[in-house]
C-alpha atoms as a PDB file:
ATOM      1  CA  MET A   1       7.125 -60.613  52.859  1.00  0.00           C
ATOM      2  CA  PRO A   2       4.799 -59.942  49.902  1.00  0.00           C
ATOM      3  CA  THR A   3       4.338 -62.730  47.381  1.00  0.00           C
ATOM      4  CA  PRO A   4       5.746 -62.237  43.850  1.00  0.00           C
ATOM      5  CA  LEU A   5       2.200 -61.837  42.458  1.00  0.00           C
ATOM      6  CA  ARG A   6       1.437 -59.053  44.941  1.00  0.00           C
ATOM      7  CA  VAL A   7       4.644 -57.284  44.004  1.00  0.00           C
ATOM      8  CA  ILE A   8       3.659 -57.414  40.332  1.00  0.00           C
ATOM      9  CA  ALA A   9       0.169 -56.061  41.085  1.00  0.00           C
ATOM     10  CA  LEU A  10       1.492 -53.207  43.177  1.00  0.00           C
ATOM     11  CA  PHE A  11       3.933 -52.293  40.414  1.00  0.00           C
ATOM     12  CA  ALA A  12       1.176 -52.316  37.768  1.00  0.00           C
ATOM     13  CA  MET A  13      -1.041 -50.050  39.910  1.00  0.00           C
ATOM     14  CA  ALA A  14       1.797 -47.588  40.432  1.00  0.00           C
ATOM     15  CA  LEU A  15       2.540 -47.524  36.695  1.00  0.00           C
ATOM     16  CA  LEU A  16      -1.132 -46.974  35.849  1.00  0.00           C
ATOM     17  CA  ALA A  17      -1.380 -44.093  38.318  1.00  0.00           C
ATOM     18  CA  ALA A  18       1.762 -42.506  36.928  1.00  0.00           C
ATOM     19  CA  CYS A  19       0.266 -42.598  33.419  1.00  0.00           C
ATOM     20  CA  GLY A  20      -2.933 -40.919  34.585  1.00  0.00           C
ATOM     21  CA  GLY A  21      -5.096 -43.991  34.152  1.00  0.00           C
ATOM     22  CA  GLY A  22      -6.983 -46.168  36.473  1.00  0.00           C
ATOM     23  CA  SER A  23      -9.340 -43.619  38.021  1.00  0.00           C
ATOM     24  CA  GLY A  24     -11.253 -42.643  34.857  1.00  0.00           C
ATOM     25  CA  ASP A  25     -11.395 -39.001  36.102  1.00  0.00           C
ATOM     26  CA  ALA A  26      -8.246 -37.485  34.535  1.00  0.00           C
ATOM     27  CA  SER A  27      -8.754 -35.192  31.483  1.00  0.00           C
ATOM     28  CA  PRO A  28      -6.325 -35.157  28.556  1.00  0.00           C
ATOM     29  CA  ALA A  29      -3.957 -32.212  28.403  1.00  0.00           C
ATOM     30  CA  PRO A  30      -5.338 -29.379  26.194  1.00  0.00           C
ATOM     31  CA  PRO A  31      -3.714 -29.033  22.763  1.00  0.00           C
ATOM     32  CA  PRO A  32      -1.176 -26.240  22.429  1.00  0.00           C
ATOM     33  CA  VAL A  33      -2.642 -22.945  21.221  1.00  0.00           C
ATOM     34  CA  ALA A  34      -1.025 -21.743  17.996  1.00  0.00           C
ATOM     35  CA  ALA A  35       0.246 -18.190  18.099  1.00  0.00           C
ATOM     36  CA  PRO A  36      -1.747 -15.894  15.765  1.00  0.00           C
ATOM     37  CA  VAL A  37      -0.061 -15.238  12.445  1.00  0.00           C
ATOM     38  CA  PRO A  38       0.680 -11.510  12.229  1.00  0.00           C
ATOM     39  CA  ALA A  39      -0.876  -9.646   9.299  1.00  0.00           C
ATOM     40  CA  PRO A  40       1.636  -8.638   6.626  1.00  0.00           C
ATOM     41  CA  TYR A  41       0.603  -4.980   6.970  1.00  0.00           C
ATOM     42  CA  PRO A  42      -1.478  -2.981   9.453  1.00  0.00           C
ATOM     43  CA  ALA A  43      -4.967  -1.807   8.629  1.00  0.00           C
ATOM     44  CA  GLY A  44      -5.134   1.541   6.881  1.00  0.00           C
ATOM     45  CA  LEU A  45      -2.256   3.218   5.058  1.00  0.00           C
ATOM     46  CA  SER A  46       1.326   2.396   6.015  1.00  0.00           C
ATOM     47  CA  ASP A  47       4.759   3.267   4.627  1.00  0.00           C
ATOM     48  CA  GLN A  48       7.014   0.356   3.695  1.00  0.00           C
ATOM     49  CA  ALA A  49      10.419  -0.233   2.134  1.00  0.00           C
ATOM     50  CA  LEU A  50      12.030  -2.830  -0.095  1.00  0.00           C
ATOM     51  CA  THR A  51      15.650  -3.081  -1.215  1.00  0.00           C
ATOM     52  CA  VAL A  52      16.099  -4.357  -4.761  1.00  0.00           C
ATOM     53  CA  ALA A  53      19.574  -4.868  -6.240  1.00  0.00           C
ATOM     54  CA  GLY A  54      21.030  -2.754  -3.445  1.00  0.00           C
ATOM     55  CA  VAL A  55      18.640   0.170  -4.005  1.00  0.00           C
ATOM     56  CA  ALA A  56      16.197   1.137  -1.238  1.00  0.00           C
ATOM     57  CA  ARG A  57      12.706   1.650  -2.631  1.00  0.00           C
ATOM     58  CA  GLN A  58       9.592   2.966  -0.920  1.00  0.00           C
ATOM     59  CA  TYR A  59       5.969   1.947  -1.215  1.00  0.00           C
ATOM     60  CA  ARG A  60       2.709   2.468   0.642  1.00  0.00           C
ATOM     61  CA  VAL A  61       0.073  -0.160   1.384  1.00  0.00           C
ATOM     62  CA  HIS A  62      -3.625   0.345   2.088  1.00  0.00           C
ATOM     63  CA  VAL A  63      -5.361  -2.538   3.864  1.00  0.00           C
ATOM     64  CA  PRO A  64      -9.112  -2.303   4.570  1.00  0.00           C
ATOM     65  CA  ALA A  65      -9.987  -2.646   8.255  1.00  0.00           C
ATOM     66  CA  GLY A  66     -10.648  -6.244   9.289  1.00  0.00           C
ATOM     67  CA  LEU A  67      -9.376  -7.693   6.010  1.00  0.00           C
ATOM     68  CA  SER A  68      -7.284 -10.855   6.416  1.00  0.00           C
ATOM     69  CA  ALA A  69      -7.832 -12.607   3.067  1.00  0.00           C
ATOM     70  CA  PRO A  70      -7.919 -10.053   0.226  1.00  0.00           C
ATOM     71  CA  ARG A  71      -9.635 -10.816  -3.056  1.00  0.00           C
ATOM     72  CA  ALA A  72      -6.800  -9.224  -5.000  1.00  0.00           C
ATOM     73  CA  ILE A  73      -3.809  -6.905  -4.958  1.00  0.00           C
ATOM     74  CA  VAL A  74      -3.879  -3.745  -7.081  1.00  0.00           C
ATOM     75  CA  LEU A  75      -0.675  -1.791  -7.689  1.00  0.00           C
ATOM     76  CA  VAL A  76      -1.360   1.889  -8.434  1.00  0.00           C
ATOM     77  CA  LEU A  77       1.447   3.896 -10.059  1.00  0.00           C
ATOM     78  CA  HIS A  78       1.747   7.665  -9.631  1.00  0.00           C
ATOM     79  CA  GLY A  79       2.641  10.039 -12.442  1.00  0.00           C
ATOM     80  CA  GLY A  80       5.789  12.100 -12.854  1.00  0.00           C
ATOM     81  CA  GLY A  81       4.418  15.508 -11.933  1.00  0.00           C
ATOM     82  CA  GLY A  82       5.691  15.624  -8.370  1.00  0.00           C
ATOM     83  CA  GLU A  83       2.900  13.859  -6.473  1.00  0.00           C
ATOM     84  CA  GLY A  84       4.874  10.668  -5.844  1.00  0.00           C
ATOM     85  CA  LEU A  85       3.516   8.574  -2.997  1.00  0.00           C
ATOM     86  CA  SER A  86       1.222  11.390  -1.896  1.00  0.00           C
ATOM     87  CA  VAL A  87      -1.282  10.223  -4.527  1.00  0.00           C
ATOM     88  CA  ALA A  88      -2.310   7.703  -1.850  1.00  0.00           C
ATOM     89  CA  ASP A  89      -3.471  10.440   0.536  1.00  0.00           C
ATOM     90  CA  SER A  90      -7.262  10.410   0.683  1.00  0.00           C
ATOM     91  CA  GLY A  91      -8.837  13.204  -1.325  1.00  0.00           C
ATOM     92  CA  ARG A  92      -5.556  14.581  -2.625  1.00  0.00           C
ATOM     93  CA  HIS A  93      -5.366  12.870  -6.007  1.00  0.00           C
ATOM     94  CA  PRO A  94      -7.832  10.852  -8.124  1.00  0.00           C
ATOM     95  CA  LEU A  95      -5.662   7.755  -7.628  1.00  0.00           C
ATOM     96  CA  SER A  96      -6.427   7.864  -3.898  1.00  0.00           C
ATOM     97  CA  ALA A  97      -9.972   6.747  -4.800  1.00  0.00           C
ATOM     98  CA  PHE A  98      -8.654   3.200  -5.141  1.00  0.00           C
ATOM     99  CA  ARG A  99      -8.565   3.084  -1.337  1.00  0.00           C
ATOM    100  CA  ALA A 100     -12.289   3.690  -0.975  1.00  0.00           C
ATOM    101  CA  VAL A 101     -13.012   1.085  -3.648  1.00  0.00           C
ATOM    102  CA  ALA A 102     -10.737  -1.373  -1.827  1.00  0.00           C
ATOM    103  CA  ASP A 103     -12.578  -0.814   1.470  1.00  0.00           C
ATOM    104  CA  ARG A 104     -15.850  -1.721  -0.215  1.00  0.00           C
ATOM    105  CA  GLU A 105     -14.578  -4.566  -2.410  1.00  0.00           C
ATOM    106  CA  GLY A 106     -12.003  -6.202  -0.145  1.00  0.00           C
ATOM    107  CA  PHE A 107      -8.671  -5.883  -1.913  1.00  0.00           C
ATOM    108  CA  VAL A 108      -5.262  -4.482  -0.970  1.00  0.00           C
ATOM    109  CA  VAL A 109      -3.858  -1.398  -2.719  1.00  0.00           C
ATOM    110  CA  VAL A 110      -0.102  -0.976  -3.138  1.00  0.00           C
ATOM    111  CA  TYR A 111       1.313   2.414  -4.140  1.00  0.00           C
ATOM    112  CA  PRO A 112       4.946   1.991  -5.324  1.00  0.00           C
ATOM    113  CA  GLY A 113       7.276   4.990  -5.386  1.00  0.00           C
ATOM    114  CA  GLY A 114       9.432   5.978  -8.349  1.00  0.00           C
ATOM    115  CA  LEU A 115      12.900   7.525  -8.067  1.00  0.00           C
ATOM    116  CA  PRO A 116      13.751  11.197  -8.818  1.00  0.00           C
ATOM    117  CA  ALA A 117      14.224  12.209 -12.437  1.00  0.00           C
ATOM    118  CA  ARG A 118      17.497  13.775 -13.536  1.00  0.00           C
ATOM    119  CA  ASP A 119      16.121  17.203 -14.272  1.00  0.00           C
ATOM    120  CA  ALA A 120      15.843  20.500 -12.407  1.00  0.00           C
ATOM    121  CA  GLU A 121      12.662  19.481 -10.611  1.00  0.00           C
ATOM    122  CA  GLY A 122      13.843  16.010  -9.585  1.00  0.00           C
ATOM    123  CA  ASN A 123      10.284  14.729  -9.292  1.00  0.00           C
ATOM    124  CA  PRO A 124       9.807  11.002  -8.713  1.00  0.00           C
ATOM    125  CA  GLY A 125       8.968   9.118 -11.870  1.00  0.00           C
ATOM    126  CA  TRP A 126       9.372   5.882 -13.772  1.00  0.00           C
ATOM    127  CA  VAL A 127      11.789   4.468 -16.310  1.00  0.00           C
ATOM    128  CA  ASP A 128       9.292   3.193 -18.857  1.00  0.00           C
ATOM    129  CA  CYS A 129       9.831   2.207 -22.496  1.00  0.00           C
ATOM    130  CA  ARG A 130      10.791   5.655 -23.895  1.00  0.00           C
ATOM    131  CA  ALA A 131      14.293   5.386 -25.339  1.00  0.00           C
ATOM    132  CA  ASP A 132      14.434   9.151 -25.984  1.00  0.00           C
ATOM    133  CA  ASN A 133      13.573  10.240 -22.426  1.00  0.00           C
ATOM    134  CA  THR A 134      16.864  11.850 -21.412  1.00  0.00           C
ATOM    135  CA  VAL A 135      15.813  12.937 -17.908  1.00  0.00           C
ATOM    136  CA  ALA A 136      14.682   9.574 -16.533  1.00  0.00           C
ATOM    137  CA  SER A 137      16.682   7.988 -13.733  1.00  0.00           C
ATOM    138  CA  ASP A 138      18.682   4.837 -14.377  1.00  0.00           C
ATOM    139  CA  ALA A 139      16.444   2.749 -12.103  1.00  0.00           C
ATOM    140  CA  ASP A 140      15.409  -0.792 -12.927  1.00  0.00           C
ATOM    141  CA  ASP A 141      11.735  -0.107 -12.331  1.00  0.00           C
ATOM    142  CA  VAL A 142      10.551  -3.305 -13.976  1.00  0.00           C
ATOM    143  CA  GLY A 143      12.779  -5.242 -11.579  1.00  0.00           C
ATOM    144  CA  PHE A 144      11.504  -3.245  -8.602  1.00  0.00           C
ATOM    145  CA  LEU A 145       7.844  -3.735  -9.469  1.00  0.00           C
ATOM    146  CA  ALA A 146       8.370  -7.438 -10.146  1.00  0.00           C
ATOM    147  CA  ALA A 147      10.082  -7.901  -6.766  1.00  0.00           C
ATOM    148  CA  LEU A 148       7.338  -5.910  -5.047  1.00  0.00           C
ATOM    149  CA  ILE A 149       4.606  -8.034  -6.605  1.00  0.00           C
ATOM    150  CA  GLU A 150       6.381 -11.224  -5.582  1.00  0.00           C
ATOM    151  CA  ARG A 151       6.759  -9.971  -2.016  1.00  0.00           C
ATOM    152  CA  VAL A 152       3.190  -8.822  -1.459  1.00  0.00           C
ATOM    153  CA  ARG A 153       1.432 -11.663  -3.226  1.00  0.00           C
ATOM    154  CA  GLY A 154       3.665 -14.107  -1.366  1.00  0.00           C
ATOM    155  CA  GLU A 155       2.783 -12.489   1.956  1.00  0.00           C
ATOM    156  CA  TYR A 156      -0.918 -12.936   1.211  1.00  0.00           C
ATOM    157  CA  GLY A 157      -0.595 -16.266  -0.594  1.00  0.00           C
ATOM    158  CA  LEU A 158      -2.192 -15.013  -3.820  1.00  0.00           C
ATOM    159  CA  ALA A 159      -1.525 -16.155  -7.370  1.00  0.00           C
ATOM    160  CA  SER A 160      -0.645 -13.781 -10.203  1.00  0.00           C
ATOM    161  CA  SER A 161      -4.203 -14.227 -11.458  1.00  0.00           C
ATOM    162  CA  ARG A 162      -5.240 -11.946  -8.578  1.00  0.00           C
ATOM    163  CA  VAL A 163      -2.658  -9.217  -9.183  1.00  0.00           C
ATOM    164  CA  PHE A 164      -3.492  -6.085 -11.203  1.00  0.00           C
ATOM    165  CA  MET A 165      -1.747  -2.823 -12.086  1.00  0.00           C
ATOM    166  CA  ALA A 166      -3.081   0.654 -12.859  1.00  0.00           C
ATOM    167  CA  GLY A 167      -1.328   3.950 -13.479  1.00  0.00           C
ATOM    168  CA  SER A 168      -1.864   7.508 -14.631  1.00  0.00           C
ATOM    169  CA  SER A 169       0.388   9.692 -16.803  1.00  0.00           C
ATOM    170  CA  ASN A 170       3.994   8.478 -16.368  1.00  0.00           C
ATOM    171  CA  GLY A 171       2.503   5.745 -14.186  1.00  0.00           C
ATOM    172  CA  GLY A 172       0.325   4.762 -17.134  1.00  0.00           C
ATOM    173  CA  GLN A 173       3.392   4.587 -19.352  1.00  0.00           C
ATOM    174  CA  MET A 174       5.132   2.438 -16.746  1.00  0.00           C
ATOM    175  CA  THR A 175       2.093   0.172 -16.609  1.00  0.00           C
ATOM    176  CA  HIS A 176       2.400  -0.348 -20.374  1.00  0.00           C
ATOM    177  CA  ALA A 177       6.129  -0.980 -19.968  1.00  0.00           C
ATOM    178  CA  PHE A 178       5.591  -3.555 -17.243  1.00  0.00           C
ATOM    179  CA  ALA A 179       2.877  -5.295 -19.249  1.00  0.00           C
ATOM    180  CA  PHE A 180       5.224  -5.507 -22.241  1.00  0.00           C
ATOM    181  CA  GLN A 181       8.012  -7.057 -20.173  1.00  0.00           C
ATOM    182  CA  ARG A 182       6.382  -8.979 -17.290  1.00  0.00           C
ATOM    183  CA  ALA A 183       2.888  -9.908 -18.393  1.00  0.00           C
ATOM    184  CA  ASP A 184       3.333 -13.139 -16.441  1.00  0.00           C
ATOM    185  CA  LEU A 185       2.970 -11.288 -13.131  1.00  0.00           C
ATOM    186  CA  VAL A 186      -0.344  -9.472 -13.696  1.00  0.00           C
ATOM    187  CA  ALA A 187      -3.808 -10.573 -14.773  1.00  0.00           C
ATOM    188  CA  ALA A 188      -4.879  -7.240 -16.316  1.00  0.00           C
ATOM    189  CA  VAL A 189      -3.833  -3.583 -16.402  1.00  0.00           C
ATOM    190  CA  ALA A 190      -5.452  -0.152 -16.685  1.00  0.00           C
ATOM    191  CA  THR A 191      -3.979   3.171 -17.817  1.00  0.00           C
ATOM    192  CA  SER A 192      -5.072   6.795 -17.750  1.00  0.00           C
ATOM    193  CA  ALA A 193      -3.358   9.374 -19.963  1.00  0.00           C
ATOM    194  CA  GLY A 194      -0.403   7.116 -20.724  1.00  0.00           C
ATOM    195  CA  SER A 195       0.617   6.356 -24.317  1.00  0.00           C
ATOM    196  CA  LEU A 196       3.135   4.006 -25.877  1.00  0.00           C
ATOM    197  CA  PRO A 197       6.541   5.406 -26.930  1.00  0.00           C
ATOM    198  CA  LEU A 198       7.360   6.527 -30.435  1.00  0.00           C
ATOM    199  CA  VAL A 199      10.943   5.310 -29.943  1.00  0.00           C
ATOM    200  CA  PRO A 200      10.851   2.260 -27.645  1.00  0.00           C
ATOM    201  CA  ARG A 201      13.803   0.838 -25.779  1.00  0.00           C
ATOM    202  CA  SER A 202      15.250  -2.412 -27.072  1.00  0.00           C
ATOM    203  CA  GLY A 203      14.258  -5.760 -25.638  1.00  0.00           C
ATOM    204  CA  GLY A 204      10.779  -6.349 -24.289  1.00  0.00           C
ATOM    205  CA  CYS A 205       9.710  -2.763 -24.951  1.00  0.00           C
ATOM    206  CA  SER A 206      10.117  -3.429 -28.674  1.00  0.00           C
ATOM    207  CA  THR A 207       9.259  -7.121 -28.902  1.00  0.00           C
ATOM    208  CA  GLY A 208       6.770  -7.620 -26.046  1.00  0.00           C
ATOM    209  CA  PRO A 209       4.480  -8.468 -24.560  1.00  0.00           C
ATOM    210  CA  ALA A 210       5.060 -12.192 -24.341  1.00  0.00           C
ATOM    211  CA  ARG A 211       1.303 -12.802 -24.222  1.00  0.00           C
ATOM    212  CA  ALA A 212      -1.957 -10.968 -24.731  1.00  0.00           C
ATOM    213  CA  LEU A 213      -3.248  -9.160 -21.657  1.00  0.00           C
ATOM    214  CA  PRO A 214      -6.630  -7.594 -20.825  1.00  0.00           C
ATOM    215  CA  ILE A 215      -6.273  -3.818 -20.705  1.00  0.00           C
ATOM    216  CA  LEU A 216      -8.410  -0.750 -19.978  1.00  0.00           C
ATOM    217  CA  ILE A 217      -7.215   2.516 -21.541  1.00  0.00           C
ATOM    218  CA  ALA A 218      -8.608   5.994 -20.785  1.00  0.00           C
ATOM    219  CA  HIS A 219      -7.462   9.210 -22.464  1.00  0.00           C
ATOM    220  CA  GLY A 220      -8.742  12.758 -22.812  1.00  0.00           C
ATOM    221  CA  THR A 221      -9.045  14.226 -26.291  1.00  0.00           C
ATOM    222  CA  ALA A 222      -7.718  17.609 -25.070  1.00  0.00           C
ATOM    223  CA  ASP A 223      -4.668  16.197 -23.241  1.00  0.00           C
ATOM    224  CA  THR A 224      -1.586  18.265 -24.107  1.00  0.00           C
ATOM    225  CA  GLN A 225       0.848  16.745 -21.600  1.00  0.00           C
ATOM    226  CA  MET A 226       0.440  13.225 -22.992  1.00  0.00           C
ATOM    227  CA  PRO A 227      -0.623  14.516 -26.402  1.00  0.00           C
ATOM    228  CA  TRP A 228      -3.781  12.932 -27.767  1.00  0.00           C
ATOM    229  CA  ASP A 229      -2.331  13.098 -31.276  1.00  0.00           C
ATOM    230  CA  GLY A 230       1.144  12.003 -30.170  1.00  0.00           C
ATOM    231  CA  GLY A 231       4.334  14.026 -29.805  1.00  0.00           C
ATOM    232  CA  CYS A 232       6.533  15.341 -27.011  1.00  0.00           C
ATOM    233  CA  VAL A 233       5.590  14.405 -23.437  1.00  0.00           C
ATOM    234  CA  ALA A 234       5.132  17.307 -20.981  1.00  0.00           C
ATOM    235  CA  ASN A 235       7.156  19.534 -23.266  1.00  0.00           C
ATOM    236  CA  ILE A 236       7.181  22.509 -20.896  1.00  0.00           C
ATOM    237  CA  GLY A 237      10.674  23.730 -21.764  1.00  0.00           C
ATOM    238  CA  GLY A 238      10.365  23.027 -25.472  1.00  0.00           C
ATOM    239  CA  ALA A 239      13.318  20.621 -25.641  1.00  0.00           C
ATOM    240  CA  CYS A 240      11.280  17.404 -25.906  1.00  0.00           C
ATOM    241  CA  ASN A 241      13.676  15.875 -23.381  1.00  0.00           C
ATOM    242  CA  ARG A 242      10.987  13.593 -21.951  1.00  0.00           C
ATOM    243  CA  GLY A 243      10.653  11.748 -25.222  1.00  0.00           C
ATOM    244  CA  ARG A 244       7.790  11.280 -27.619  1.00  0.00           C
ATOM    245  CA  VAL A 245       4.736   9.051 -27.737  1.00  0.00           C
ATOM    246  CA  ILE A 246       2.432   7.749 -30.417  1.00  0.00           C
ATOM    247  CA  SER A 247      -1.166   8.943 -30.437  1.00  0.00           C
ATOM    248  CA  ALA A 248      -3.868   7.728 -28.075  1.00  0.00           C
ATOM    249  CA  LEU A 249      -5.636   6.031 -30.981  1.00  0.00           C
ATOM    250  CA  ALA A 250      -2.421   4.336 -32.141  1.00  0.00           C
ATOM    251  CA  THR A 251      -1.833   3.112 -28.571  1.00  0.00           C
ATOM    252  CA  ARG A 252      -5.315   1.596 -28.539  1.00  0.00           C
ATOM    253  CA  ASP A 253      -4.780   0.023 -31.963  1.00  0.00           C
ATOM    254  CA  ARG A 254      -1.464  -1.501 -30.890  1.00  0.00           C
ATOM    255  CA  TRP A 255      -3.190  -3.273 -28.012  1.00  0.00           C
ATOM    256  CA  LEU A 256      -6.030  -4.394 -30.254  1.00  0.00           C
ATOM    257  CA  GLN A 257      -3.387  -5.993 -32.453  1.00  0.00           C
ATOM    258  CA  ILE A 258      -1.614  -7.587 -29.494  1.00  0.00           C
ATOM    259  CA  ASN A 259      -4.868  -9.032 -28.151  1.00  0.00           C
ATOM    260  CA  GLY A 260      -6.088 -10.265 -31.537  1.00  0.00           C
ATOM    261  CA  LEU A 261      -9.007  -7.816 -31.667  1.00  0.00           C
ATOM    262  CA  ALA A 262      -8.126  -5.623 -34.637  1.00  0.00           C
ATOM    263  CA  SER A 263     -11.172  -6.786 -36.599  1.00  0.00           C
ATOM    264  CA  VAL A 264     -13.629  -6.696 -33.678  1.00  0.00           C
ATOM    265  CA  THR A 265     -16.451  -4.162 -33.746  1.00  0.00           C
ATOM    266  CA  PRO A 266     -16.838  -2.697 -30.239  1.00  0.00           C
ATOM    267  CA  THR A 267     -20.001  -2.167 -28.274  1.00  0.00           C
ATOM    268  CA  GLN A 268     -20.425   1.472 -27.243  1.00  0.00           C
ATOM    269  CA  ALA A 269     -21.876   3.424 -24.349  1.00  0.00           C
ATOM    270  CA  VAL A 270     -21.896   7.094 -23.394  1.00  0.00           C
ATOM    271  CA  VAL A 271     -21.666   8.363 -19.811  1.00  0.00           C
ATOM    272  CA  GLU A 272     -22.647  11.992 -19.319  1.00  0.00           C
ATOM    273  CA  ILE A 273     -23.313  12.926 -15.696  1.00  0.00           C
ATOM    274  CA  VAL A 274     -21.561  16.274 -15.234  1.00  0.00           C
ATOM    275  CA  ALA A 275     -22.536  18.609 -18.048  1.00  0.00           C
ATOM    276  CA  THR A 276     -19.996  21.273 -17.075  1.00  0.00           C
ATOM    277  CA  ASP A 277     -16.850  19.227 -17.727  1.00  0.00           C
ATOM    278  CA  GLY A 278     -15.264  18.912 -21.163  1.00  0.00           C
ATOM    279  CA  GLY A 279     -17.734  16.389 -22.552  1.00  0.00           C
ATOM    280  CA  PRO A 280     -19.004  12.846 -22.136  1.00  0.00           C
ATOM    281  CA  ALA A 281     -17.038   9.704 -21.375  1.00  0.00           C
ATOM    282  CA  ASN A 282     -17.348   7.295 -24.301  1.00  0.00           C
ATOM    283  CA  ARG A 283     -16.826   3.597 -23.593  1.00  0.00           C
ATOM    284  CA  PHE A 284     -15.849   1.099 -26.277  1.00  0.00           C
ATOM    285  CA  ASP A 285     -15.637  -2.604 -25.401  1.00  0.00           C
ATOM    286  CA  TYR A 286     -13.673  -4.904 -27.698  1.00  0.00           C
ATOM    287  CA  ALA A 287     -14.726  -8.371 -26.556  1.00  0.00           C
ATOM    288  CA  GLY A 288     -12.524 -11.436 -26.603  1.00  0.00           C
ATOM    289  CA  PRO A 289     -10.494 -13.711 -24.321  1.00  0.00           C
ATOM    290  CA  ASN A 290      -8.228 -10.724 -23.639  1.00  0.00           C
ATOM    291  CA  PRO A 291     -10.540  -7.723 -24.005  1.00  0.00           C
ATOM    292  CA  VAL A 292      -9.671  -4.084 -24.537  1.00  0.00           C
ATOM    293  CA  GLN A 293     -11.862  -1.462 -22.873  1.00  0.00           C
ATOM    294  CA  TRP A 294     -11.272   1.975 -24.351  1.00  0.00           C
ATOM    295  CA  TRP A 295     -12.505   5.211 -22.766  1.00  0.00           C
ATOM    296  CA  ARG A 296     -12.435   8.320 -24.955  1.00  0.00           C
ATOM    297  CA  LEU A 297     -12.965  11.306 -22.670  1.00  0.00           C
ATOM    298  CA  ASP A 298     -14.217  14.096 -24.888  1.00  0.00           C
ATOM    299  CA  GLY A 299     -12.733  17.508 -24.099  1.00  0.00           C
ATOM    300  CA  ALA A 300     -10.817  16.181 -21.107  1.00  0.00           C
ATOM    301  CA  GLY A 301      -7.246  17.087 -20.293  1.00  0.00           C
ATOM    302  CA  HIS A 302      -4.499  15.214 -18.482  1.00  0.00           C
ATOM    303  CA  ALA A 303      -5.925  14.556 -15.001  1.00  0.00           C
ATOM    304  CA  ALA A 304      -7.340  11.124 -14.247  1.00  0.00           C
ATOM    305  CA  ALA A 305     -11.128  11.097 -14.399  1.00  0.00           C
ATOM    306  CA  SER A 306     -12.849  11.281 -11.028  1.00  0.00           C
ATOM    307  CA  ARG A 307     -16.216  12.030  -9.524  1.00  0.00           C
ATOM    308  CA  THR A 308     -14.863  12.254  -5.965  1.00  0.00           C
ATOM    309  CA  VAL A 309     -11.504  14.070  -6.219  1.00  0.00           C
ATOM    310  CA  ALA A 310     -11.638  17.254  -8.253  1.00  0.00           C
ATOM    311  CA  VAL A 311      -8.596  18.647 -10.061  1.00  0.00           C
ATOM    312  CA  ALA A 312      -8.801  22.381 -10.759  1.00  0.00           C
ATOM    313  CA  THR A 313      -8.770  23.389 -14.398  1.00  0.00           C
ATOM    314  CA  ASN A 314      -5.601  25.151 -15.500  1.00  0.00           C
ATOM    315  CA  ALA A 315      -3.567  25.681 -18.653  1.00  0.00           C
ATOM    316  CA  LEU A 316      -1.276  22.746 -17.849  1.00  0.00           C
ATOM    317  CA  VAL A 317      -3.712  19.926 -17.150  1.00  0.00           C
ATOM    318  CA  GLY A 318      -6.855  21.222 -18.841  1.00  0.00           C
ATOM    319  CA  ILE A 319     -10.358  20.139 -17.818  1.00  0.00           C
ATOM    320  CA  GLN A 320     -10.871  16.989 -15.766  1.00  0.00           C
ATOM    321  CA  ASN A 321     -13.552  14.509 -16.781  1.00  0.00           C
ATOM    322  CA  ARG A 322     -16.063  14.186 -13.900  1.00  0.00           C
ATOM    323  CA  ASP A 323     -18.424  11.629 -15.465  1.00  0.00           C
ATOM    324  CA  ILE A 324     -16.543   8.500 -14.360  1.00  0.00           C
ATOM    325  CA  GLU A 325     -14.215   7.423 -11.575  1.00  0.00           C
ATOM    326  CA  PHE A 326     -11.045   5.903 -13.034  1.00  0.00           C
ATOM    327  CA  ALA A 327     -10.555   3.772  -9.920  1.00  0.00           C
ATOM    328  CA  GLU A 328     -14.098   2.415 -10.177  1.00  0.00           C
ATOM    329  CA  VAL A 329     -14.005   1.501 -13.861  1.00  0.00           C
ATOM    330  CA  ALA A 330     -10.529  -0.003 -13.479  1.00  0.00           C
ATOM    331  CA  TRP A 331     -11.617  -2.186 -10.558  1.00  0.00           C
ATOM    332  CA  ALA A 332     -14.783  -3.294 -12.365  1.00  0.00           C
ATOM    333  CA  PHE A 333     -12.573  -4.359 -15.283  1.00  0.00           C
ATOM    334  CA  PHE A 334     -10.198  -6.182 -12.931  1.00  0.00           C
ATOM    335  CA  ALA A 335     -12.941  -7.866 -10.918  1.00  0.00           C
ATOM    336  CA  ALA A 336     -14.380  -9.353 -14.100  1.00  0.00           C
ATOM    337  CA  ARG A 337     -11.034 -11.121 -14.600  1.00  0.00           C
ATOM    338  CA  LEU A 338     -10.863 -12.718 -11.130  1.00  0.00           C
ATOM    339  CA  PRO A 339     -10.809 -16.530 -11.158  1.00  0.00           C
END
């Protein structure tokens, strides 16, 4: 019969072997491998949806190949002329140029979609600050854009200081409207051919914005659809049912007042690359903590300026400025605001 001490020793050896010790040869179990976190959106252009207050809304996202940690998010708003989300299609519209800039600079582009207007054409558009626009839908576009920003920036873990918004035509007007009502969600904005309303809606459209906000504004001096001198917007039928806007200069001056720059003398530069368009692009920089960059596009009509996506001249849109790329100057303005 084994002695009590031998029993204890045998038990200790068995316990040591069961725990993997004693030999000095056993390796620790490898740590568990974490499953890769899926990217919020696939590389390239993809169609997405978001339901806000019971209304299904559409948007498109462009993610540069191989990008996992974007520098910023840029929302790009289409106009009301029927293009809708197709402005994101490469080479189709000047706003598609944001995709090429994003591929080079490493940011994500989001193209939100407006809802159809209540007119014969039913083109997608935005409910901006015009109180006298009788054909706009009854959509809560500020609520939609706010929810969209919160979703996408949350998916990428970015602060509002890395979120920007740009728009052309009705999209430019909506960019103004959003800046007046939710300046807390964007770090800077840029507009092309979009003026402030002559008769603004009540609330934030009349009293906003809550804070100064850096803004880039571009406008053609021969724009008749968003009249340079102010007046009826896209007044094709003569009824002025899309409301009225103040002049391009008055829109600039309103933002200079908002940003505390009314007494600032701007620096100026002239860009003239394509001699056959309407005229040069004139840049005016009003410096300050919340700067205003103003582009006066001499002789240009309603189309957003572009050097890569040409818009044919016609009686409706006029001559496109080809000296600058709206997407490029907007991003340069945004990038200068990045923390």
